[in-house]
């Protein structure tokens, strides 16, 4: 994650607000991966309310990153997170 944050910070093409948003996304995705994509646990991990976390989750459309981590398996056509 540190490398990705460094890439965002050193990207001079991005305005300040977009850099902050990208870093926030990376932090949220990291918390979600550590908590098996359970949003309430990730929110607690980051010490923010679920309401704020979920608002940002939807605003950043983080669902599209859910299966990119490779930490889930399919069993009987249902996703199981390990």
Foldseek 3Di string as FASTA:
>chain_A
DVVVLVVLVPPPVDDPVVSVLVVVLVLLVVLCLVVVNPQCSSCVVVVHHSVVSVVSCVVVVCVVCNPVVVQWDDDPNDIDGD
